[in-house]
Protein backbone atom coordinates (compact mmCIF):
# COMPACT_ATOMS: atom_id res chain seq x y z
CA MET A 1 207.86 -113.03 -14.41
CA SER A 2 205.87 -109.88 -15.11
CA LEU A 3 202.11 -109.56 -14.66
CA PHE A 4 201.72 -109.31 -18.44
CA HIS A 5 203.41 -112.68 -18.96
CA ALA A 6 201.32 -114.18 -16.16
CA ILE A 7 198.12 -113.00 -17.84
CA MET A 8 199.22 -114.33 -21.23
CA LEU A 9 200.10 -117.74 -19.79
CA ALA A 10 196.74 -117.90 -18.01
CA ILE A 11 194.91 -117.14 -21.26
CA ILE A 12 196.91 -119.83 -23.05
CA GLU A 13 196.18 -122.34 -20.29
CA GLY A 14 192.46 -121.61 -20.31
CA LEU A 15 192.26 -121.87 -24.11
CA THR A 16 194.35 -125.00 -24.59
CA GLU A 17 193.83 -127.17 -21.51
CA PHE A 18 190.59 -128.74 -22.71
CA LEU A 19 191.31 -128.60 -26.44
CA PRO A 20 193.24 -131.52 -27.99
CA VAL A 21 196.23 -129.31 -28.87
CA SER A 22 198.58 -129.74 -25.87
CA SER A 23 198.70 -126.92 -23.36
CA THR A 24 202.27 -127.97 -22.51
CA GLY A 25 203.46 -127.31 -26.05
CA HIS A 26 201.90 -123.86 -26.12
CA MET A 27 203.29 -122.96 -22.70
CA ILE A 28 206.78 -123.98 -23.82
CA ILE A 29 206.61 -121.86 -26.98
CA TYR A 30 205.34 -118.74 -25.21
CA SER A 31 207.67 -119.04 -22.20
CA SER A 32 210.71 -119.52 -24.42
CA LEU A 33 209.86 -116.63 -26.75
CA ALA A 34 209.13 -114.42 -23.73
CA GLY A 35 212.41 -115.39 -22.07
CA ILE A 36 210.81 -116.62 -18.84
CA SER A 37 211.14 -120.41 -19.21
CA GLY A 38 214.12 -120.68 -16.89
CA ASN A 39 212.29 -118.96 -14.02
CA GLU A 40 211.38 -121.33 -11.16
CA PHE A 41 208.16 -119.47 -10.44
CA THR A 42 207.13 -119.86 -14.09
CA LYS A 43 207.37 -123.64 -13.72
CA LEU A 44 205.14 -123.57 -10.64
CA TYR A 45 202.76 -121.04 -12.14
CA THR A 46 202.08 -123.01 -15.33
CA VAL A 47 201.01 -126.00 -13.24
CA ASP A 48 199.04 -124.26 -10.52
CA ILE A 49 196.87 -122.10 -12.78
CA GLN A 50 195.24 -125.41 -13.65
CA PHE A 51 193.16 -124.87 -10.51
CA GLY A 52 191.27 -122.18 -12.42
CA CYS A 53 190.52 -124.63 -15.23
CA ILE A 54 189.37 -127.23 -12.71
CA LEU A 55 186.95 -124.71 -11.25
CA SER A 56 185.55 -123.96 -14.71
CA VAL A 57 184.61 -127.64 -15.12
CA LEU A 58 183.02 -127.76 -11.66
CA VAL A 59 180.94 -124.66 -12.38
CA LEU A 60 179.76 -125.74 -15.84
CA TYR A 61 178.97 -129.29 -14.75
CA TYR A 62 178.02 -128.70 -11.13
CA ARG A 63 174.86 -130.76 -11.49
CA ARG A 64 176.91 -133.82 -12.40
CA PHE A 65 179.34 -133.29 -9.54
CA LEU A 66 176.84 -132.27 -6.87
CA ARG A 67 173.31 -133.15 -8.00
CA ASP A 68 173.48 -136.36 -10.01
CA THR A 69 169.86 -137.50 -9.96
CA ARG A 70 170.31 -140.85 -11.69
CA THR A 71 168.81 -143.82 -9.90
CA ARG A 72 169.82 -147.47 -9.85
CA GLU A 73 167.49 -148.07 -12.79
CA ASP A 74 169.81 -145.89 -14.89
CA MET A 75 172.90 -147.97 -14.04
CA ALA A 76 173.31 -150.93 -16.36
CA TRP A 77 176.22 -152.37 -14.37
CA TYR A 78 174.16 -152.42 -11.15
CA ASN A 79 171.12 -153.96 -12.77
CA ALA A 80 173.30 -156.72 -14.27
CA LEU A 81 174.41 -157.89 -10.83
CA PRO A 82 172.66 -160.87 -9.16
CA GLN A 83 169.92 -159.79 -6.79
CA GLY A 84 171.83 -161.14 -3.80
CA LEU A 85 174.85 -159.02 -4.64
CA GLN A 86 172.65 -155.96 -5.14
CA ASN A 87 171.19 -156.51 -1.69
CA MET A 88 174.70 -156.87 -0.24
CA ILE A 89 175.92 -153.63 -1.85
CA GLY A 90 172.78 -151.73 -0.91
CA PRO A 91 171.48 -148.54 -2.53
CA VAL A 92 173.76 -146.89 -5.07
CA SER A 93 173.13 -143.25 -5.95
CA GLY A 94 173.99 -141.59 -9.22
CA GLN A 95 176.48 -139.44 -7.31
CA LEU A 96 178.37 -142.43 -5.95
CA ASP A 97 178.34 -144.13 -9.36
CA PHE A 98 179.82 -141.00 -10.96
CA TYR A 99 182.65 -140.61 -8.45
CA LEU A 100 183.52 -144.30 -8.49
CA LYS A 101 183.93 -144.20 -12.27
CA LEU A 102 186.13 -141.12 -12.01
CA LEU A 103 188.26 -142.92 -9.42
CA VAL A 104 188.62 -145.98 -11.66
CA ALA A 105 189.64 -143.78 -14.61
CA PHE A 106 192.09 -141.77 -12.48
CA LEU A 107 193.94 -144.74 -10.96
CA PRO A 108 196.06 -145.76 -13.99
CA ALA A 109 197.62 -142.30 -14.28
CA ALA A 110 198.14 -142.09 -10.52
CA ILE A 111 199.86 -145.48 -10.32
CA ILE A 112 201.88 -145.30 -13.53
CA GLY A 113 202.83 -141.69 -12.85
CA PHE A 114 204.18 -142.69 -9.44
CA LEU A 115 206.10 -145.72 -10.74
CA LEU A 116 207.58 -143.98 -13.79
CA ASN A 117 208.11 -140.53 -12.31
CA ASP A 118 211.84 -140.33 -13.18
CA PHE A 119 211.28 -141.51 -16.75
CA ILE A 120 208.46 -138.99 -17.25
CA ASP A 121 210.69 -136.22 -15.88
CA SER A 122 213.37 -137.15 -18.43
CA LEU A 123 210.82 -136.82 -21.24
CA LEU A 124 209.85 -133.39 -19.97
CA GLU A 125 213.41 -132.22 -20.62
CA SER A 126 213.07 -132.65 -24.39
CA VAL A 127 211.49 -129.95 -26.55
CA THR A 128 211.93 -132.29 -29.53
CA THR A 129 209.68 -134.84 -27.81
CA VAL A 130 206.99 -132.21 -27.45
CA ALA A 131 207.23 -131.17 -31.11
CA VAL A 132 207.19 -134.73 -32.45
CA SER A 133 204.24 -135.61 -30.19
CA LEU A 134 202.34 -132.60 -31.52
CA VAL A 135 202.91 -133.68 -35.12
CA LEU A 136 202.11 -137.36 -34.60
CA GLY A 137 199.06 -136.53 -32.49
CA GLY A 138 197.91 -134.11 -35.17
CA ILE A 139 198.10 -136.81 -37.83
CA VAL A 140 195.96 -139.07 -35.64
CA LEU A 141 193.36 -136.32 -35.16
CA VAL A 142 193.14 -135.65 -38.90
CA PHE A 143 191.90 -139.20 -39.47
CA ILE A 144 190.24 -140.03 -36.15
CA ASP A 145 186.72 -138.95 -37.12
CA ARG A 146 186.73 -141.24 -40.14
CA LEU A 147 188.06 -144.13 -38.04
CA LEU A 148 185.94 -143.81 -34.91
CA ASP A 149 182.66 -142.07 -35.71
CA GLN A 150 181.35 -145.39 -36.98
CA ASN A 151 182.35 -146.92 -33.64
CA VAL A 152 179.63 -145.01 -31.76
CA LYS A 153 177.22 -147.71 -30.72
CA ARG A 154 175.01 -146.18 -28.06
CA ASP A 155 174.12 -143.10 -26.08
CA TYR A 156 174.21 -144.17 -22.45
CA ASP A 157 176.65 -143.47 -19.67
CA ILE A 158 180.20 -144.83 -19.54
CA THR A 159 180.71 -148.19 -17.79
CA PHE A 160 183.41 -149.12 -15.29
CA PRO A 161 185.52 -151.17 -17.77
CA GLU A 162 185.26 -148.33 -20.28
CA ALA A 163 186.27 -145.78 -17.64
CA LEU A 164 189.35 -147.87 -16.82
CA LYS A 165 190.34 -148.06 -20.49
CA VAL A 166 189.99 -144.28 -20.85
CA GLY A 167 192.23 -144.01 -17.79
CA PHE A 168 194.95 -145.97 -19.58
CA PHE A 169 194.59 -143.71 -22.60
CA GLN A 170 195.19 -140.76 -20.28
CA CYS A 171 198.57 -142.28 -19.39
CA ILE A 172 199.70 -141.74 -22.98
CA ALA A 173 199.48 -138.01 -22.24
CA MET A 174 202.38 -138.39 -19.80
CA ILE A 175 204.47 -137.99 -22.94
CA PRO A 176 204.70 -134.17 -23.23
CA GLY A 177 202.95 -132.79 -26.28
CA VAL A 178 200.41 -135.61 -26.59
CA SER A 179 197.59 -133.66 -24.88
CA ARG A 180 195.63 -135.14 -22.02
CA SER A 181 192.40 -133.93 -23.60
CA ALA A 182 193.17 -135.57 -26.97
CA ALA A 183 194.20 -138.87 -25.39
CA THR A 184 191.14 -139.19 -23.16
CA ILE A 185 188.63 -138.06 -25.78
CA ILE A 186 190.01 -140.55 -28.30
CA GLY A 187 189.99 -143.16 -25.55
CA GLY A 188 186.31 -142.49 -24.90
CA MET A 189 185.44 -142.69 -28.58
CA THR A 190 187.21 -146.05 -28.92
CA GLN A 191 184.77 -147.29 -26.26
CA GLY A 192 181.78 -146.19 -28.31
CA LEU A 193 181.09 -142.85 -26.62
CA THR A 194 179.78 -140.02 -28.76
CA ARG A 195 182.10 -137.06 -29.34
CA GLN A 196 180.27 -135.02 -26.71
CA GLN A 197 180.21 -137.84 -24.16
CA ALA A 198 183.91 -138.47 -24.66
CA ALA A 199 184.74 -134.77 -24.37
CA GLU A 200 182.67 -134.31 -21.22
CA PHE A 201 184.16 -137.37 -19.53
CA SER A 202 187.57 -135.96 -20.42
CA PHE A 203 186.59 -132.73 -18.64
CA PHE A 204 185.39 -134.66 -15.59
CA LEU A 205 188.57 -136.75 -15.44
CA ALA A 206 190.66 -133.58 -15.65
CA VAL A 207 189.41 -132.54 -12.21
CA PRO A 208 191.12 -135.23 -10.06
CA THR A 209 194.07 -135.52 -12.45
CA MET A 210 194.95 -131.82 -12.57
CA ALA A 211 194.09 -131.29 -8.91
CA ALA A 212 196.58 -134.00 -7.93
CA ALA A 213 199.33 -132.59 -10.18
CA SER A 214 198.75 -128.97 -9.15
CA GLY A 215 198.36 -129.75 -5.46
CA TYR A 216 201.53 -131.86 -5.41
CA LYS A 217 203.53 -129.12 -7.15
CA LEU A 218 202.25 -126.44 -4.80
CA LEU A 219 202.90 -128.58 -1.72
CA LYS A 220 206.52 -129.08 -2.79
CA THR A 221 207.25 -125.44 -3.51
CA TYR A 222 204.90 -123.21 -1.49
CA LYS A 223 207.65 -122.32 1.01
CA LEU A 224 209.59 -120.65 -1.80
CA LEU A 225 206.73 -118.33 -2.74
CA GLN A 226 206.76 -114.63 -1.99
CA PRO A 227 203.59 -112.64 -1.06
CA THR A 228 203.48 -111.13 -4.55
CA ASP A 229 203.63 -114.64 -6.05
CA TYR A 230 200.35 -115.53 -4.35
CA GLN A 231 198.73 -112.46 -5.87
CA THR A 232 199.96 -113.48 -9.30
CA LEU A 233 198.62 -117.02 -8.81
CA ILE A 234 195.20 -115.70 -7.80
CA ILE A 235 195.02 -113.43 -10.86
CA GLY A 236 196.22 -116.22 -13.14
CA ASN A 237 193.71 -118.73 -11.81
CA ALA A 238 190.89 -116.21 -12.17
CA ILE A 239 191.77 -115.60 -15.81
CA ALA A 240 192.24 -119.32 -16.55
CA PHE A 241 188.81 -119.93 -14.97
CA VAL A 242 186.99 -117.42 -17.19
CA VAL A 243 188.82 -118.41 -20.38
CA GLY A 244 188.34 -122.09 -19.54
CA LEU A 245 184.58 -121.59 -19.23
CA LEU A 246 184.41 -120.02 -22.67
CA ALA A 247 186.74 -122.60 -24.22
CA ILE A 248 184.74 -125.59 -22.95
CA ARG A 249 181.45 -124.18 -24.20
CA ALA A 250 182.87 -123.36 -27.62
CA PHE A 251 184.78 -126.63 -27.93
CA VAL A 252 181.82 -128.94 -27.34
CA GLY A 253 179.73 -127.16 -29.97
CA PHE A 254 182.59 -127.05 -32.47
CA LEU A 255 183.45 -130.71 -31.89
CA ASN A 256 179.89 -131.85 -32.49
CA GLN A 257 179.69 -129.94 -35.76
CA TYR A 258 183.17 -130.22 -37.25
CA GLY A 259 185.10 -132.97 -35.48
CA PHE A 260 188.85 -133.11 -34.85
CA LYS A 261 190.42 -132.43 -38.25
CA VAL A 262 191.04 -128.70 -37.69
CA PHE A 263 192.80 -129.42 -34.40
CA GLY A 264 194.89 -132.06 -36.13
CA TYR A 265 196.14 -129.65 -38.80
CA TYR A 266 196.80 -127.00 -36.17
CA ARG A 267 198.91 -129.40 -34.08
CA ILE A 268 200.95 -130.39 -37.14
CA VAL A 269 201.68 -126.74 -37.95
CA VAL A 270 202.71 -125.95 -34.36
CA GLY A 271 204.87 -129.05 -34.07
CA LEU A 272 206.63 -128.39 -37.36
CA ALA A 273 207.15 -124.76 -36.35
CA ILE A 274 208.95 -125.87 -33.18
CA LEU A 275 211.10 -128.34 -35.11
CA GLY A 276 211.88 -125.61 -37.64
CA LEU A 277 212.96 -123.20 -34.92
CA LEU A 278 215.16 -125.87 -33.34
CA ALA A 279 216.73 -126.66 -36.73
CA ALA A 280 217.42 -122.95 -37.24
CA GLY A 281 219.34 -122.84 -33.97
CA VAL A 282 216.70 -120.99 -31.95
CA LYS A 283 217.01 -121.88 -28.27
CA ILE A 284 213.72 -123.17 -26.88
CA ASP A 285 213.78 -124.08 -23.21
CA ILE A 286 211.53 -126.63 -21.58
CA LEU A 287 209.40 -125.46 -18.69
């Protein structure tokens, strides 16, 4: 894989990872058109440049990850406990509350991903699955604002049961082409979160989820890497980091003002384009 292709893939990853458009689908299209989809390093690279996107979330939301100043008075779940149980648990900081909710939301994907690993791998072999998922997910996004905006019922932090339900929504994204971002944001909105709250929790949940996937992939394959491969990974992660920063900032503002409909139409067009290419006999390889 040339440096040019590495840069292009990093830009695509940074732009699409946090948008509800499926980064996997876009990676497949570019890699196939560029003729690099069969390269083993390409497969590793497209996963491990997610570290750059993870870093973009940590930088933009560092206060939430490192300086959460909420007190027990801000935690409805803690205040609802009997006094004796509160005394038994002891002080609970906003930081601990935040990380516990992320853990609860992460567990469904970790457990189901482990149990259904072979089945998920079989889905990843089908470009048609990606294309159909893009189209169906796009149709959902076209109508989701009308269906769920009225569901917003408050403006306080996510609860533990809600975090768990969002975690199960994230499992839907194990089907390639669904989009982890789309699944988790919709999951948050079904629980009554505002668009921005749902999007931000999706960003937060991406950190442990993508770190686990990227770390596992790197651990399995790092012995196969050449010195120049590490240089390419560093460059790719740096680019994905910068582009990811810009994409997150732009996405939150756009989402608040316009909703999901544009992303829905875009997904439908991309999905139909892939199906059209397949029907025309164009060879599109899975990553």
